[in-house]
Amino acid sequence: MKTIILFSLAFILCVFSSDSASDPVLDAFGKNLHAGVKYYALPAAGYGEYGGLVLKTGNRSCPAEVAQSRGDDNGLPLTFTPVNPKKGVIRLSTDVNVKFSGPTSCHQSNIWKLKYDKAMKEYAVVVGGVEGNPGPKTLDNWFKIEKTNVGYKFVFCPSVCSYCKKVMCRNVGIVLDEDGVQRLALSDDPSSYFFYRV
């Protein structure tokens, strides 16, 4: 009887430990995505017509909006910081901060965050978030990367706050605003990307 119990416990521990770490996110060449390393996020379909991700202020004031460029522009490089900064590899379905490299015209952080846009009537991705410091006050700063049939998508579904009551979980896709800018916002139609190391 003790042998059966020991084998059962060993099996449960083995299954639990293998599921505890999700698969790594891979770049376009099959290498692991690493924290703090610069990558371009380019559309998995339609590259040439649509480019990488950029910051736009358009006719509005700050914060700058995260948008998709037109044409074959690579956009701005991104870096990813996992919720546990000691982890060097970015993994699927885990909370990460997403950050543009370089300065912004708005003199604020380049960390992505979610903010409700009254004109669009959607939650849109802008910059000005806080890096790290997981909890209820920074909930809007955490995104996840999930696999699709043709690449990877960004998802807003933070799990950094276990006691927060209601957390939205939706895909991030391209939504056309009233100025014709292709902005990143919560959407039922996710956009897929490949990551290229800069």
C-alpha atoms as a PDB file:
ATOM      1  CA  MET A   1       0.000   0.000   0.000  1.00  0.00           C
ATOM      2  CA  LYS A   2       2.849   2.407   0.869  1.00  0.00           C
ATOM      3  CA  THR A   3       4.474   1.653  -2.487  1.00  0.00           C
ATOM      4  CA  ILE A   4       1.269   2.572  -4.362  1.00  0.00           C
ATOM      5  CA  ILE A   5       0.963   5.822  -2.413  1.00  0.00           C
ATOM      6  CA  LEU A   6       4.614   6.703  -3.095  1.00  0.00           C
ATOM      7  CA  PHE A   7       4.246   5.981  -6.834  1.00  0.00           C
ATOM      8  CA  SER A   8       1.036   8.044  -6.945  1.00  0.00           C
ATOM      9  CA  LEU A   9       2.723  11.000  -5.234  1.00  0.00           C
ATOM     10  CA  ALA A  10       5.742  10.748  -7.538  1.00  0.00           C
ATOM     11  CA  PHE A  11       3.446  10.710 -10.593  1.00  0.00           C
ATOM     12  CA  ILE A  12       1.494  13.764  -9.365  1.00  0.00           C
ATOM     13  CA  LEU A  13       4.706  15.683  -8.661  1.00  0.00           C
ATOM     14  CA  CYS A  14       6.103  14.776 -12.066  1.00  0.00           C
ATOM     15  CA  VAL A  15       2.942  15.948 -13.881  1.00  0.00           C
ATOM     16  CA  PHE A  16       2.745  19.133 -11.805  1.00  0.00           C
ATOM     17  CA  SER A  17       6.392  20.053 -12.394  1.00  0.00           C
ATOM     18  CA  SER A  18       6.153  19.478 -16.145  1.00  0.00           C
ATOM     19  CA  ASP A  19       3.072  21.721 -16.409  1.00  0.00           C
ATOM     20  CA  SER A  20       4.390  24.441 -14.106  1.00  0.00           C
ATOM     21  CA  ALA A  21       6.591  26.011 -16.791  1.00  0.00           C
ATOM     22  CA  SER A  22       4.817  26.868 -20.034  1.00  0.00           C
ATOM     23  CA  ASP A  23       6.547  26.684 -23.407  1.00  0.00           C
ATOM     24  CA  PRO A  24       8.860  29.539 -24.390  1.00  0.00           C
ATOM     25  CA  VAL A  25       7.835  32.141 -26.952  1.00  0.00           C
ATOM     26  CA  LEU A  26      10.032  31.715 -30.038  1.00  0.00           C
ATOM     27  CA  ASP A  27      11.317  34.312 -32.456  1.00  0.00           C
ATOM     28  CA  ALA A  28      10.901  33.956 -36.229  1.00  0.00           C
ATOM     29  CA  PHE A  29      14.022  31.741 -36.343  1.00  0.00           C
ATOM     30  CA  GLY A  30      12.909  29.346 -33.598  1.00  0.00           C
ATOM     31  CA  LYS A  31      15.048  30.805 -30.802  1.00  0.00           C
ATOM     32  CA  ASN A  32      13.684  31.634 -27.341  1.00  0.00           C
ATOM     33  CA  LEU A  33      12.525  35.204 -26.718  1.00  0.00           C
ATOM     34  CA  HIS A  34      14.664  36.699 -23.929  1.00  0.00           C
ATOM     35  CA  ALA A  35      13.832  39.407 -21.419  1.00  0.00           C
ATOM     36  CA  GLY A  36      15.470  42.761 -22.106  1.00  0.00           C
ATOM     37  CA  VAL A  37      16.443  41.880 -25.698  1.00  0.00           C
ATOM     38  CA  LYS A  38      15.094  44.091 -28.508  1.00  0.00           C
ATOM     39  CA  TYR A  39      12.656  42.568 -31.019  1.00  0.00           C
ATOM     40  CA  TYR A  40      10.506  43.844 -33.858  1.00  0.00           C
ATOM     41  CA  ALA A  41       6.904  42.598 -33.831  1.00  0.00           C
ATOM     42  CA  LEU A  42       5.950  42.229 -37.484  1.00  0.00           C
ATOM     43  CA  PRO A  43       2.577  41.055 -38.766  1.00  0.00           C
ATOM     44  CA  ALA A  44       2.437  37.350 -39.519  1.00  0.00           C
ATOM     45  CA  ALA A  45       0.252  38.053 -42.576  1.00  0.00           C
ATOM     46  CA  GLY A  46       0.219  40.987 -44.952  1.00  0.00           C
ATOM     47  CA  TYR A  47       3.789  42.196 -44.303  1.00  0.00           C
ATOM     48  CA  GLY A  48       4.577  44.844 -46.909  1.00  0.00           C
ATOM     49  CA  GLU A  49       1.063  46.228 -46.689  1.00  0.00           C
ATOM     50  CA  TYR A  50       1.304  46.599 -42.904  1.00  0.00           C
ATOM     51  CA  GLY A  51       4.455  47.125 -40.899  1.00  0.00           C
ATOM     52  CA  GLY A  52       5.590  46.852 -37.323  1.00  0.00           C
ATOM     53  CA  LEU A  53       4.334  48.523 -34.170  1.00  0.00           C
ATOM     54  CA  VAL A  54       4.929  52.231 -33.569  1.00  0.00           C
ATOM     55  CA  LEU A  55       3.912  55.132 -31.325  1.00  0.00           C
ATOM     56  CA  LYS A  56       1.492  57.757 -32.613  1.00  0.00           C
ATOM     57  CA  THR A  57       0.109  60.888 -31.062  1.00  0.00           C
ATOM     58  CA  GLY A  58      -1.863  61.933 -34.134  1.00  0.00           C
ATOM     59  CA  ASN A  59      -4.225  64.846 -33.483  1.00  0.00           C
ATOM     60  CA  ARG A  60      -4.420  63.987 -29.802  1.00  0.00           C
ATOM     61  CA  SER A  61      -2.418  64.843 -26.771  1.00  0.00           C
ATOM     62  CA  CYS A  62      -0.504  62.322 -24.712  1.00  0.00           C
ATOM     63  CA  PRO A  63      -0.366  59.446 -23.906  1.00  0.00           C
ATOM     64  CA  ALA A  64       1.014  58.183 -27.187  1.00  0.00           C
ATOM     65  CA  GLU A  65      -0.951  55.372 -28.811  1.00  0.00           C
ATOM     66  CA  VAL A  66       0.397  52.006 -29.905  1.00  0.00           C
ATOM     67  CA  ALA A  67      -0.393  51.565 -33.585  1.00  0.00           C
ATOM     68  CA  GLN A  68       0.589  49.500 -36.588  1.00  0.00           C
ATOM     69  CA  SER A  69       2.574  51.277 -39.281  1.00  0.00           C
ATOM     70  CA  ARG A  70       1.729  51.055 -42.944  1.00  0.00           C
ATOM     71  CA  GLY A  71       4.088  49.695 -45.563  1.00  0.00           C
ATOM     72  CA  ASP A  72       7.223  47.679 -44.878  1.00  0.00           C
ATOM     73  CA  ASP A  73       8.391  49.765 -41.894  1.00  0.00           C
ATOM     74  CA  ASN A  74       9.748  47.507 -39.120  1.00  0.00           C
ATOM     75  CA  GLY A  75       8.368  49.847 -36.464  1.00  0.00           C
ATOM     76  CA  LEU A  76      10.019  50.391 -33.094  1.00  0.00           C
ATOM     77  CA  PRO A  77      11.905  47.680 -31.198  1.00  0.00           C
ATOM     78  CA  LEU A  78      10.175  46.126 -28.185  1.00  0.00           C
ATOM     79  CA  THR A  79      11.550  44.545 -25.032  1.00  0.00           C
ATOM     80  CA  PHE A  80       9.697  42.223 -22.687  1.00  0.00           C
ATOM     81  CA  THR A  81      10.003  41.981 -18.907  1.00  0.00           C
ATOM     82  CA  PRO A  82       8.391  38.984 -17.175  1.00  0.00           C
ATOM     83  CA  VAL A  83       6.565  39.336 -13.868  1.00  0.00           C
ATOM     84  CA  ASN A  84       9.535  37.589 -12.281  1.00  0.00           C
ATOM     85  CA  PRO A  85      12.481  39.683 -13.564  1.00  0.00           C
ATOM     86  CA  LYS A  86      14.932  36.874 -12.710  1.00  0.00           C
ATOM     87  CA  LYS A  87      13.405  34.719 -15.458  1.00  0.00           C
ATOM     88  CA  GLY A  88      15.385  35.243 -18.639  1.00  0.00           C
ATOM     89  CA  VAL A  89      13.076  33.493 -21.101  1.00  0.00           C
ATOM     90  CA  ILE A  90       9.639  34.837 -22.049  1.00  0.00           C
ATOM     91  CA  ARG A  91       7.022  32.094 -21.798  1.00  0.00           C
ATOM     92  CA  LEU A  92       3.550  31.633 -23.225  1.00  0.00           C
ATOM     93  CA  SER A  93       0.581  32.713 -21.100  1.00  0.00           C
ATOM     94  CA  THR A  94       2.716  34.516 -18.513  1.00  0.00           C
ATOM     95  CA  ASP A  95       2.440  38.179 -17.519  1.00  0.00           C
ATOM     96  CA  VAL A  96       4.935  40.517 -19.177  1.00  0.00           C
ATOM     97  CA  ASN A  97       5.504  44.236 -19.458  1.00  0.00           C
ATOM     98  CA  VAL A  98       5.964  45.329 -23.067  1.00  0.00           C
ATOM     99  CA  LYS A  99       8.199  48.351 -23.664  1.00  0.00           C
ATOM    100  CA  PHE A 100       9.213  50.361 -26.720  1.00  0.00           C
ATOM    101  CA  SER A 101      12.891  51.275 -27.029  1.00  0.00           C
ATOM    102  CA  GLY A 102      13.826  54.941 -27.294  1.00  0.00           C
ATOM    103  CA  PRO A 103      12.322  58.231 -26.126  1.00  0.00           C
ATOM    104  CA  THR A 104       8.710  59.336 -26.580  1.00  0.00           C
ATOM    105  CA  SER A 105       7.458  62.765 -27.521  1.00  0.00           C
ATOM    106  CA  CYS A 106       5.217  62.629 -24.466  1.00  0.00           C
ATOM    107  CA  HIS A 107       8.107  62.424 -21.953  1.00  0.00           C
ATOM    108  CA  GLN A 108       6.656  59.381 -20.213  1.00  0.00           C
ATOM    109  CA  SER A 109       7.529  55.716 -19.898  1.00  0.00           C
ATOM    110  CA  ASN A 110       7.378  53.526 -22.996  1.00  0.00           C
ATOM    111  CA  ILE A 111       5.623  50.720 -21.082  1.00  0.00           C
ATOM    112  CA  TRP A 112       2.383  49.541 -22.638  1.00  0.00           C
ATOM    113  CA  LYS A 113      -0.816  49.903 -20.661  1.00  0.00           C
ATOM    114  CA  LEU A 114      -4.515  49.650 -21.353  1.00  0.00           C
ATOM    115  CA  LYS A 115      -6.694  52.772 -21.264  1.00  0.00           C
ATOM    116  CA  TYR A 116     -10.298  53.353 -22.224  1.00  0.00           C
ATOM    117  CA  ASP A 117     -10.599  55.592 -25.299  1.00  0.00           C
ATOM    118  CA  LYS A 118     -13.925  57.467 -25.292  1.00  0.00           C
ATOM    119  CA  ALA A 119     -13.783  58.326 -28.997  1.00  0.00           C
ATOM    120  CA  MET A 120     -13.137  54.717 -30.027  1.00  0.00           C
ATOM    121  CA  LYS A 121     -15.374  53.290 -27.282  1.00  0.00           C
ATOM    122  CA  GLU A 122     -12.703  50.642 -26.816  1.00  0.00           C
ATOM    123  CA  TYR A 123      -9.885  49.850 -24.430  1.00  0.00           C
ATOM    124  CA  ALA A 124      -6.780  50.822 -26.385  1.00  0.00           C
ATOM    125  CA  VAL A 125      -3.072  50.200 -25.835  1.00  0.00           C
ATOM    126  CA  VAL A 126      -1.090  53.345 -24.995  1.00  0.00           C
ATOM    127  CA  VAL A 127       2.223  53.991 -23.251  1.00  0.00           C
ATOM    128  CA  GLY A 128       2.886  55.474 -19.832  1.00  0.00           C
ATOM    129  CA  GLY A 129       2.651  52.292 -17.778  1.00  0.00           C
ATOM    130  CA  VAL A 130       4.767  51.142 -14.857  1.00  0.00           C
ATOM    131  CA  GLU A 131       7.418  48.441 -15.196  1.00  0.00           C
ATOM    132  CA  GLY A 132       7.236  45.652 -12.634  1.00  0.00           C
ATOM    133  CA  ASN A 133       5.507  46.190  -9.282  1.00  0.00           C
ATOM    134  CA  PRO A 134       2.724  43.618  -9.921  1.00  0.00           C
ATOM    135  CA  GLY A 135      -0.534  44.272  -8.091  1.00  0.00           C
ATOM    136  CA  PRO A 136      -3.948  45.912  -8.390  1.00  0.00           C
ATOM    137  CA  LYS A 137      -2.536  49.385  -9.167  1.00  0.00           C
ATOM    138  CA  THR A 138      -0.516  48.114 -12.138  1.00  0.00           C
ATOM    139  CA  LEU A 139      -3.046  45.629 -13.520  1.00  0.00           C
ATOM    140  CA  ASP A 140      -3.401  47.602 -16.780  1.00  0.00           C
ATOM    141  CA  ASN A 141       0.353  47.245 -17.496  1.00  0.00           C
ATOM    142  CA  TRP A 142       0.481  43.452 -17.919  1.00  0.00           C
ATOM    143  CA  PHE A 143       0.012  41.549 -21.174  1.00  0.00           C
ATOM    144  CA  LYS A 144       0.500  37.945 -22.258  1.00  0.00           C
ATOM    145  CA  ILE A 145       1.754  36.346 -25.457  1.00  0.00           C
ATOM    146  CA  GLU A 146      -0.189  33.375 -26.818  1.00  0.00           C
ATOM    147  CA  LYS A 147       0.433  31.123 -29.804  1.00  0.00           C
ATOM    148  CA  THR A 148      -1.812  31.292 -32.891  1.00  0.00           C
ATOM    149  CA  ASN A 149      -1.942  29.149 -36.039  1.00  0.00           C
ATOM    150  CA  VAL A 150       0.389  31.575 -37.821  1.00  0.00           C
ATOM    151  CA  GLY A 151       2.472  33.247 -35.116  1.00  0.00           C
ATOM    152  CA  TYR A 152       1.792  34.900 -31.759  1.00  0.00           C
ATOM    153  CA  LYS A 153      -0.831  37.283 -30.433  1.00  0.00           C
ATOM    154  CA  PHE A 154      -0.929  39.717 -27.542  1.00  0.00           C
ATOM    155  CA  VAL A 155      -3.614  39.136 -24.936  1.00  0.00           C
ATOM    156  CA  PHE A 156      -4.766  41.262 -22.049  1.00  0.00           C
ATOM    157  CA  CYS A 157      -5.612  38.887 -19.196  1.00  0.00           C
ATOM    158  CA  PRO A 158      -3.415  39.789 -16.214  1.00  0.00           C
ATOM    159  CA  SER A 159      -2.995  37.253 -13.438  1.00  0.00           C
ATOM    160  CA  VAL A 160      -0.606  39.317 -11.291  1.00  0.00           C
ATOM    161  CA  CYS A 161      -3.333  40.000  -8.731  1.00  0.00           C
ATOM    162  CA  SER A 162      -4.902  36.819  -7.347  1.00  0.00           C
ATOM    163  CA  TYR A 163      -7.342  38.723  -5.130  1.00  0.00           C
ATOM    164  CA  CYS A 164      -8.558  41.235  -7.753  1.00  0.00           C
ATOM    165  CA  LYS A 165     -12.224  40.446  -8.362  1.00  0.00           C
ATOM    166  CA  LYS A 166     -12.979  41.092 -12.017  1.00  0.00           C
ATOM    167  CA  VAL A 167     -10.253  40.983 -14.639  1.00  0.00           C
ATOM    168  CA  MET A 168     -10.963  41.402 -18.350  1.00  0.00           C
ATOM    169  CA  CYS A 169      -9.555  38.784 -20.680  1.00  0.00           C
ATOM    170  CA  ARG A 170      -9.512  39.689 -24.375  1.00  0.00           C
ATOM    171  CA  ASN A 171      -7.312  39.517 -27.419  1.00  0.00           C
ATOM    172  CA  VAL A 172      -5.392  42.555 -28.635  1.00  0.00           C
ATOM    173  CA  GLY A 173      -6.036  43.358 -32.280  1.00  0.00           C
ATOM    174  CA  ILE A 174      -6.007  46.203 -34.775  1.00  0.00           C
ATOM    175  CA  VAL A 175      -8.913  48.643 -34.542  1.00  0.00           C
ATOM    176  CA  LEU A 176      -9.303  51.550 -36.965  1.00  0.00           C
ATOM    177  CA  ASP A 177      -9.888  54.836 -35.128  1.00  0.00           C
ATOM    178  CA  GLU A 178     -11.766  57.879 -36.477  1.00  0.00           C
ATOM    179  CA  ASP A 179      -8.528  59.283 -37.960  1.00  0.00           C
ATOM    180  CA  GLY A 180      -7.865  56.063 -39.897  1.00  0.00           C
ATOM    181  CA  VAL A 181      -4.990  55.035 -37.607  1.00  0.00           C
ATOM    182  CA  GLN A 182      -4.625  51.283 -37.068  1.00  0.00           C
ATOM    183  CA  ARG A 183      -4.421  51.145 -33.300  1.00  0.00           C
ATOM    184  CA  LEU A 184      -3.910  48.256 -30.927  1.00  0.00           C
ATOM    185  CA  ALA A 185      -7.000  47.732 -28.803  1.00  0.00           C
ATOM    186  CA  LEU A 186      -8.979  44.947 -27.194  1.00  0.00           C
ATOM    187  CA  SER A 187     -10.682  43.061 -29.981  1.00  0.00           C
ATOM    188  CA  ASP A 188     -12.406  39.785 -30.796  1.00  0.00           C
ATOM    189  CA  ASP A 189     -10.165  39.571 -33.862  1.00  0.00           C
ATOM    190  CA  PRO A 190      -6.536  39.191 -32.676  1.00  0.00           C
ATOM    191  CA  SER A 191      -3.543  40.242 -34.742  1.00  0.00           C
ATOM    192  CA  SER A 192      -0.722  37.716 -35.182  1.00  0.00           C
ATOM    193  CA  TYR A 193       2.971  38.620 -35.134  1.00  0.00           C
ATOM    194  CA  PHE A 194       6.415  37.166 -35.634  1.00  0.00           C
ATOM    195  CA  PHE A 195       9.251  38.447 -33.461  1.00  0.00           C
ATOM    196  CA  TYR A 196      12.580  39.357 -35.093  1.00  0.00           C
ATOM    197  CA  ARG A 197      15.635  40.069 -32.964  1.00  0.00           C
ATOM    198  CA  VAL A 198      17.059  43.531 -33.716  1.00  0.00           C
END
